[in-house]
Amino acid sequence: MNICEFLKKLNNKTLKNEDVPVSCVIVKNNKIISKSYNQRVKKNNPLAHAEILAIQKASKKLNTYNLSDCELYVTLKPCKMCEEVIKSAKIQKVYYFLDQNKVANNKINYKKLEDQNEYFYKELTEFFKDKR
């Protein structure tokens, strides 16, 4: 079975759950090592995107978060959240079939807290300074 047929089969599971039909497989050395599909509705979890679930499974299977030697195949171009997770997993090759035309319409109002107490200001500042 080729990747396209495999993703189509996974998409049928998303439709049964009334979720957005997005499926994902991760391949290493021409072998599928993980697969998943959107499960936000099924799991009542906004993070349960196909790409994130597939990355979690691949990381667990390979016992590493570094998936730089893997390729990701997905039915829809990844959203911004999934893009960041893909970057964190160090996946460099992503193949998709359809463009993402939806733009997130979530407005978030960020406000920096000015309370610079000892812990949040000094210790965390030093921690990040040492890490970078």
N, C-alpha and C. Protein backbone atom coordinates (compact mmCIF):
# COMPACT_ATOMS: atom_id res chain seq x y z
N MET A 1 0.85 -1.18 0.00
CA MET A 1 0.00 0.00 0.00
C MET A 1 0.89 1.25 0.00
N ASN A 2 0.61 2.19 -0.89
CA ASN A 2 1.41 3.40 -0.92
C ASN A 2 0.95 4.40 0.15
N ILE A 3 1.74 5.43 0.38
CA ILE A 3 1.46 6.41 1.44
C ILE A 3 0.09 7.06 1.26
N CYS A 4 -0.25 7.43 0.05
CA CYS A 4 -1.53 8.10 -0.21
C CYS A 4 -2.70 7.21 0.19
N GLU A 5 -2.67 5.95 -0.19
CA GLU A 5 -3.73 5.02 0.17
C GLU A 5 -3.79 4.82 1.68
N PHE A 6 -2.63 4.75 2.31
CA PHE A 6 -2.56 4.57 3.76
C PHE A 6 -3.18 5.76 4.48
N LEU A 7 -2.85 6.98 4.03
CA LEU A 7 -3.42 8.18 4.65
C LEU A 7 -4.93 8.25 4.44
N LYS A 8 -5.38 7.83 3.27
CA LYS A 8 -6.82 7.83 2.99
C LYS A 8 -7.55 6.89 3.94
N LYS A 9 -6.97 5.74 4.20
CA LYS A 9 -7.55 4.77 5.13
C LYS A 9 -7.63 5.35 6.54
N LEU A 10 -6.58 6.04 6.96
CA LEU A 10 -6.58 6.68 8.28
C LEU A 10 -7.62 7.81 8.34
N ASN A 11 -7.76 8.55 7.25
CA ASN A 11 -8.74 9.65 7.21
C ASN A 11 -10.16 9.16 7.47
N ASN A 12 -10.46 7.95 7.04
CA ASN A 12 -11.80 7.41 7.27
C ASN A 12 -12.09 7.31 8.77
N LYS A 13 -11.07 7.07 9.57
CA LYS A 13 -11.26 7.00 11.03
C LYS A 13 -11.62 8.37 11.59
N THR A 14 -11.02 9.41 11.04
CA THR A 14 -11.34 10.76 11.54
C THR A 14 -12.78 11.12 11.23
N LEU A 15 -13.24 10.74 10.06
CA LEU A 15 -14.61 11.05 9.66
C LEU A 15 -15.62 10.35 10.56
N LYS A 16 -15.30 9.14 10.98
CA LYS A 16 -16.19 8.41 11.90
C LYS A 16 -16.31 9.14 13.24
N ASN A 17 -15.23 9.83 13.63
CA ASN A 17 -15.22 10.58 14.89
C ASN A 17 -15.67 12.02 14.73
N GLU A 18 -16.09 12.37 13.49
CA GLU A 18 -16.54 13.73 13.17
C GLU A 18 -15.45 14.77 13.43
N ASP A 19 -14.22 14.38 13.14
CA ASP A 19 -13.09 15.30 13.28
C ASP A 19 -12.61 15.71 11.90
N VAL A 20 -11.72 16.69 11.86
CA VAL A 20 -11.15 17.15 10.59
C VAL A 20 -10.30 16.00 10.02
N PRO A 21 -10.55 15.59 8.78
CA PRO A 21 -9.84 14.44 8.22
C PRO A 21 -8.38 14.74 7.85
N VAL A 22 -7.54 14.68 8.86
CA VAL A 22 -6.10 14.84 8.65
C VAL A 22 -5.42 13.61 9.22
N SER A 23 -4.55 13.02 8.42
CA SER A 23 -3.80 11.83 8.83
C SER A 23 -2.32 12.06 8.60
N CYS A 24 -1.51 11.32 9.33
CA CYS A 24 -0.07 11.51 9.28
C CYS A 24 0.65 10.19 9.47
N VAL A 25 1.73 10.00 8.73
CA VAL A 25 2.63 8.87 8.97
C VAL A 25 4.05 9.40 9.03
N ILE A 26 4.87 8.74 9.82
CA ILE A 26 6.28 9.08 9.91
C ILE A 26 7.06 7.87 9.42
N VAL A 27 8.01 8.14 8.53
CA VAL A 27 8.78 7.10 7.86
C VAL A 27 10.25 7.24 8.21
N LYS A 28 10.88 6.11 8.47
CA LYS A 28 12.34 6.07 8.68
C LYS A 28 12.88 4.90 7.86
N ASN A 29 13.88 5.17 7.05
CA ASN A 29 14.47 4.13 6.19
C ASN A 29 13.41 3.42 5.35
N ASN A 30 12.51 4.20 4.76
CA ASN A 30 11.44 3.69 3.90
C ASN A 30 10.46 2.76 4.60
N LYS A 31 10.39 2.85 5.93
CA LYS A 31 9.45 2.02 6.70
C LYS A 31 8.61 2.93 7.59
N ILE A 32 7.31 2.71 7.60
CA ILE A 32 6.43 3.49 8.47
C ILE A 32 6.68 3.08 9.91
N ILE A 33 7.05 4.07 10.74
CA ILE A 33 7.32 3.77 12.15
C ILE A 33 6.21 4.28 13.07
N SER A 34 5.40 5.21 12.57
CA SER A 34 4.25 5.65 13.36
C SER A 34 3.19 6.23 12.44
N LYS A 35 1.97 6.22 12.94
CA LYS A 35 0.85 6.74 12.17
C LYS A 35 -0.18 7.28 13.15
N SER A 36 -0.94 8.25 12.67
CA SER A 36 -2.02 8.77 13.50
C SER A 36 -2.96 9.60 12.64
N TYR A 37 -4.04 10.02 13.26
CA TYR A 37 -5.03 10.86 12.61
C TYR A 37 -5.58 11.81 13.66
N ASN A 38 -6.23 12.88 13.21
CA ASN A 38 -6.78 13.85 14.15
C ASN A 38 -7.72 13.17 15.13
N GLN A 39 -7.56 13.50 16.41
CA GLN A 39 -8.40 12.92 17.45
C GLN A 39 -8.83 13.98 18.46
N ARG A 40 -8.91 15.22 18.01
CA ARG A 40 -9.29 16.31 18.93
C ARG A 40 -10.68 16.08 19.50
N VAL A 41 -11.62 15.71 18.65
CA VAL A 41 -12.99 15.48 19.11
C VAL A 41 -13.06 14.22 19.96
N LYS A 42 -12.47 13.16 19.48
CA LYS A 42 -12.51 11.86 20.17
C LYS A 42 -11.90 11.96 21.58
N LYS A 43 -10.78 12.68 21.70
CA LYS A 43 -10.07 12.78 22.98
C LYS A 43 -10.40 14.06 23.75
N ASN A 44 -11.24 14.92 23.17
CA ASN A 44 -11.52 16.22 23.78
C ASN A 44 -10.21 16.93 24.15
N ASN A 45 -9.31 16.96 23.18
CA ASN A 45 -7.97 17.50 23.42
C ASN A 45 -7.56 18.36 22.22
N PRO A 46 -7.39 19.66 22.42
CA PRO A 46 -7.00 20.53 21.30
C PRO A 46 -5.62 20.24 20.75
N LEU A 47 -4.81 19.47 21.46
CA LEU A 47 -3.46 19.13 21.00
C LEU A 47 -3.42 17.84 20.19
N ALA A 48 -4.52 17.14 20.08
CA ALA A 48 -4.54 15.82 19.45
C ALA A 48 -4.60 15.91 17.92
N HIS A 49 -3.69 16.69 17.35
CA HIS A 49 -3.55 16.76 15.90
C HIS A 49 -2.78 15.53 15.43
N ALA A 50 -3.04 15.13 14.20
CA ALA A 50 -2.42 13.93 13.64
C ALA A 50 -0.89 13.98 13.73
N GLU A 51 -0.32 15.12 13.38
CA GLU A 51 1.14 15.24 13.37
C GLU A 51 1.73 15.08 14.78
N ILE A 52 1.11 15.71 15.75
CA ILE A 52 1.62 15.66 17.12
C ILE A 52 1.53 14.24 17.67
N LEU A 53 0.41 13.58 17.43
CA LEU A 53 0.25 12.21 17.92
C LEU A 53 1.24 11.27 17.24
N ALA A 54 1.46 11.45 15.94
CA ALA A 54 2.42 10.60 15.22
C ALA A 54 3.85 10.85 15.72
N ILE A 55 4.18 12.11 15.99
CA ILE A 55 5.51 12.44 16.51
C ILE A 55 5.70 11.83 17.89
N GLN A 56 4.69 11.89 18.74
CA GLN A 56 4.79 11.28 20.07
C GLN A 56 5.04 9.78 19.96
N LYS A 57 4.32 9.11 19.08
CA LYS A 57 4.49 7.67 18.90
C LYS A 57 5.89 7.33 18.37
N ALA A 58 6.35 8.11 17.38
CA ALA A 58 7.68 7.86 16.81
C ALA A 58 8.77 8.09 17.85
N SER A 59 8.63 9.15 18.62
CA SER A 59 9.63 9.45 19.66
C SER A 59 9.69 8.34 20.70
N LYS A 60 8.53 7.84 21.08
CA LYS A 60 8.48 6.75 22.05
C LYS A 60 9.11 5.48 21.48
N LYS A 61 8.76 5.18 20.23
CA LYS A 61 9.28 3.97 19.59
C LYS A 61 10.80 4.02 19.43
N LEU A 62 11.33 5.19 19.04
CA LEU A 62 12.77 5.33 18.81
C LEU A 62 13.53 5.76 20.06
N ASN A 63 12.79 6.07 21.13
CA ASN A 63 13.38 6.48 22.40
C ASN A 63 14.23 7.75 22.26
N THR A 64 13.72 8.69 21.46
CA THR A 64 14.40 9.97 21.29
C THR A 64 13.41 10.99 20.74
N TYR A 65 13.63 12.25 21.08
CA TYR A 65 12.81 13.31 20.49
C TYR A 65 13.39 13.76 19.16
N ASN A 66 14.63 13.38 18.87
CA ASN A 66 15.32 13.80 17.65
C ASN A 66 14.94 12.87 16.49
N LEU A 67 14.03 13.34 15.66
CA LEU A 67 13.56 12.54 14.53
C LEU A 67 14.12 13.07 13.21
N SER A 68 15.34 13.59 13.26
CA SER A 68 15.95 14.22 12.08
C SER A 68 16.16 13.25 10.93
N ASP A 69 16.20 11.96 11.21
CA ASP A 69 16.38 10.98 10.13
C ASP A 69 15.05 10.39 9.68
N CYS A 70 13.96 11.07 10.01
CA CYS A 70 12.62 10.63 9.61
C CYS A 70 11.99 11.62 8.64
N GLU A 71 10.98 11.15 7.95
CA GLU A 71 10.18 11.99 7.06
C GLU A 71 8.74 11.93 7.52
N LEU A 72 8.04 13.04 7.37
CA LEU A 72 6.65 13.12 7.79
C LEU A 72 5.76 13.33 6.56
N TYR A 73 4.72 12.54 6.45
CA TYR A 73 3.73 12.65 5.38
C TYR A 73 2.39 12.96 6.02
N VAL A 74 1.70 13.97 5.50
CA VAL A 74 0.44 14.40 6.10
C VAL A 74 -0.52 14.84 4.99
N THR A 75 -1.81 14.67 5.23
CA THR A 75 -2.79 15.00 4.20
C THR A 75 -2.96 16.49 3.99
N LEU A 76 -2.78 17.29 5.05
CA LEU A 76 -2.98 18.74 4.97
C LEU A 76 -1.73 19.44 5.49
N LYS A 77 -1.34 20.52 4.85
CA LYS A 77 -0.17 21.28 5.29
C LYS A 77 -0.33 21.60 6.79
N PRO A 78 0.70 21.31 7.59
CA PRO A 78 0.59 21.49 9.03
C PRO A 78 0.26 22.93 9.45
N CYS A 79 -0.53 23.04 10.51
CA CYS A 79 -0.85 24.34 11.10
C CYS A 79 0.39 24.87 11.82
N LYS A 80 0.32 26.09 12.30
CA LYS A 80 1.47 26.72 12.98
C LYS A 80 1.90 25.93 14.21
N MET A 81 0.93 25.43 15.00
CA MET A 81 1.29 24.66 16.19
C MET A 81 2.06 23.40 15.79
N CYS A 82 1.55 22.68 14.80
CA CYS A 82 2.22 21.45 14.37
C CYS A 82 3.59 21.75 13.75
N GLU A 83 3.70 22.86 13.03
CA GLU A 83 5.00 23.25 12.47
C GLU A 83 6.04 23.38 13.57
N GLU A 84 5.66 24.00 14.66
CA GLU A 84 6.61 24.19 15.77
C GLU A 84 7.00 22.85 16.41
N VAL A 85 6.05 21.94 16.53
CA VAL A 85 6.35 20.61 17.08
C VAL A 85 7.26 19.85 16.12
N ILE A 86 7.00 19.97 14.83
CA ILE A 86 7.86 19.33 13.82
C ILE A 86 9.28 19.87 13.92
N LYS A 87 9.42 21.17 14.09
CA LYS A 87 10.75 21.77 14.28
C LYS A 87 11.41 21.23 15.54
N SER A 88 10.66 21.14 16.62
CA SER A 88 11.21 20.63 17.89
C SER A 88 11.68 19.19 17.75
N ALA A 89 10.98 18.42 16.93
CA ALA A 89 11.35 17.03 16.70
C ALA A 89 12.49 16.90 15.68
N LYS A 90 12.89 18.04 15.12
CA LYS A 90 14.00 18.13 14.17
C LYS A 90 13.73 17.40 12.84
N ILE A 91 12.46 17.22 12.51
CA ILE A 91 12.09 16.61 11.23
C ILE A 91 12.34 17.65 10.14
N GLN A 92 13.10 17.25 9.13
CA GLN A 92 13.49 18.20 8.09
C GLN A 92 12.71 18.04 6.79
N LYS A 93 12.09 16.88 6.59
CA LYS A 93 11.35 16.64 5.35
C LYS A 93 9.89 16.38 5.68
N VAL A 94 9.03 17.26 5.18
CA VAL A 94 7.59 17.14 5.38
C VAL A 94 6.92 17.17 4.01
N TYR A 95 6.10 16.17 3.75
CA TYR A 95 5.37 16.08 2.49
C TYR A 95 3.88 16.17 2.80
N TYR A 96 3.16 17.00 2.05
CA TYR A 96 1.73 17.14 2.27
C TYR A 96 1.01 17.18 0.94
N PHE A 97 -0.30 16.89 0.97
CA PHE A 97 -1.10 16.81 -0.25
C PHE A 97 -1.94 18.06 -0.51
N LEU A 98 -2.50 18.64 0.54
CA LEU A 98 -3.37 19.81 0.37
C LEU A 98 -2.84 20.99 1.16
N ASP A 99 -3.02 22.19 0.59
CA ASP A 99 -2.63 23.41 1.30
C ASP A 99 -3.60 23.70 2.43
N GLN A 100 -3.09 24.38 3.43
CA GLN A 100 -3.89 24.82 4.57
C GLN A 100 -4.41 26.21 4.25
N ASN A 101 -5.69 26.33 3.97
CA ASN A 101 -6.26 27.63 3.61
C ASN A 101 -6.89 28.35 4.79
N LYS A 102 -7.12 27.64 5.86
CA LYS A 102 -7.76 28.24 7.02
C LYS A 102 -6.73 29.01 7.84
N VAL A 103 -7.10 30.22 8.22
CA VAL A 103 -6.25 31.03 9.09
C VAL A 103 -6.90 31.03 10.47
N ALA A 104 -6.13 30.71 11.47
CA ALA A 104 -6.67 30.68 12.83
C ALA A 104 -7.21 32.05 13.19
N ASN A 105 -8.37 32.06 13.77
CA ASN A 105 -9.04 33.31 14.10
C ASN A 105 -9.07 33.52 15.62
N ASN A 106 -8.13 32.94 16.29
CA ASN A 106 -8.10 33.07 17.74
C ASN A 106 -7.29 34.30 18.13
N LYS A 107 -7.93 35.20 18.80
CA LYS A 107 -7.26 36.42 19.26
C LYS A 107 -6.85 36.20 20.71
N ILE A 108 -5.57 36.33 20.97
CA ILE A 108 -5.05 36.17 22.33
C ILE A 108 -4.49 37.50 22.78
N ASN A 109 -4.85 37.90 23.96
CA ASN A 109 -4.38 39.15 24.52
C ASN A 109 -3.28 38.84 25.53
N TYR A 110 -2.01 39.05 25.13
CA TYR A 110 -0.88 38.82 26.01
C TYR A 110 -0.57 40.08 26.81
N LYS A 111 -0.24 39.89 28.06
CA LYS A 111 0.17 41.02 28.89
C LYS A 111 1.32 40.56 29.77
N LYS A 112 2.44 41.24 29.66
CA LYS A 112 3.61 40.91 30.46
C LYS A 112 3.38 41.37 31.89
N LEU A 113 3.63 40.48 32.82
CA LEU A 113 3.50 40.83 34.23
C LEU A 113 4.74 41.58 34.68
N GLU A 114 4.54 42.65 35.39
CA GLU A 114 5.66 43.50 35.78
C GLU A 114 6.25 43.15 37.13
N ASP A 115 5.61 42.23 37.86
CA ASP A 115 6.12 41.83 39.17
C ASP A 115 7.43 41.07 38.99
N GLN A 116 8.53 41.69 39.32
CA GLN A 116 9.83 41.07 39.11
C GLN A 116 10.37 40.54 40.44
N ASN A 117 9.63 39.60 41.02
CA ASN A 117 10.11 39.04 42.29
C ASN A 117 11.36 38.21 42.06
N GLU A 118 11.95 37.82 43.13
CA GLU A 118 13.25 37.15 43.10
C GLU A 118 13.28 35.94 42.16
N TYR A 119 12.30 35.05 42.28
CA TYR A 119 12.34 33.83 41.48
C TYR A 119 12.12 34.09 40.00
N PHE A 120 11.00 34.72 39.68
CA PHE A 120 10.65 34.86 38.27
C PHE A 120 11.60 35.78 37.52
N TYR A 121 12.21 36.68 38.18
CA TYR A 121 13.09 37.59 37.46
C TYR A 121 14.54 37.10 37.47
N LYS A 122 15.10 36.92 38.64
CA LYS A 122 16.53 36.61 38.75
C LYS A 122 16.85 35.16 38.38
N GLU A 123 16.22 34.21 39.02
CA GLU A 123 16.58 32.81 38.80
C GLU A 123 16.25 32.33 37.39
N LEU A 124 15.08 32.68 36.91
CA LEU A 124 14.73 32.25 35.55
C LEU A 124 15.57 32.97 34.51
N THR A 125 15.86 34.24 34.72
CA THR A 125 16.72 34.98 33.80
C THR A 125 18.09 34.33 33.73
N GLU A 126 18.63 33.97 34.88
CA GLU A 126 19.96 33.30 34.91
C GLU A 126 19.89 31.92 34.24
N PHE A 127 18.84 31.19 34.49
CA PHE A 127 18.70 29.86 33.89
C PHE A 127 18.74 29.96 32.36
N PHE A 128 17.93 30.86 31.80
CA PHE A 128 17.89 30.97 30.34
C PHE A 128 19.17 31.57 29.78
N LYS A 129 19.80 32.44 30.51
CA LYS A 129 21.07 33.03 30.09
C LYS A 129 22.14 31.94 29.99
N ASP A 130 22.17 31.04 30.99
CA ASP A 130 23.14 29.94 31.00
C ASP A 130 22.87 28.92 29.89
N LYS A 131 21.61 28.73 29.55
CA LYS A 131 21.23 27.73 28.52
C LYS A 131 21.53 28.23 27.12
N ARG A 132 21.54 29.53 26.95
CA ARG A 132 21.71 30.08 25.59
C ARG A 132 23.00 30.76 25.52
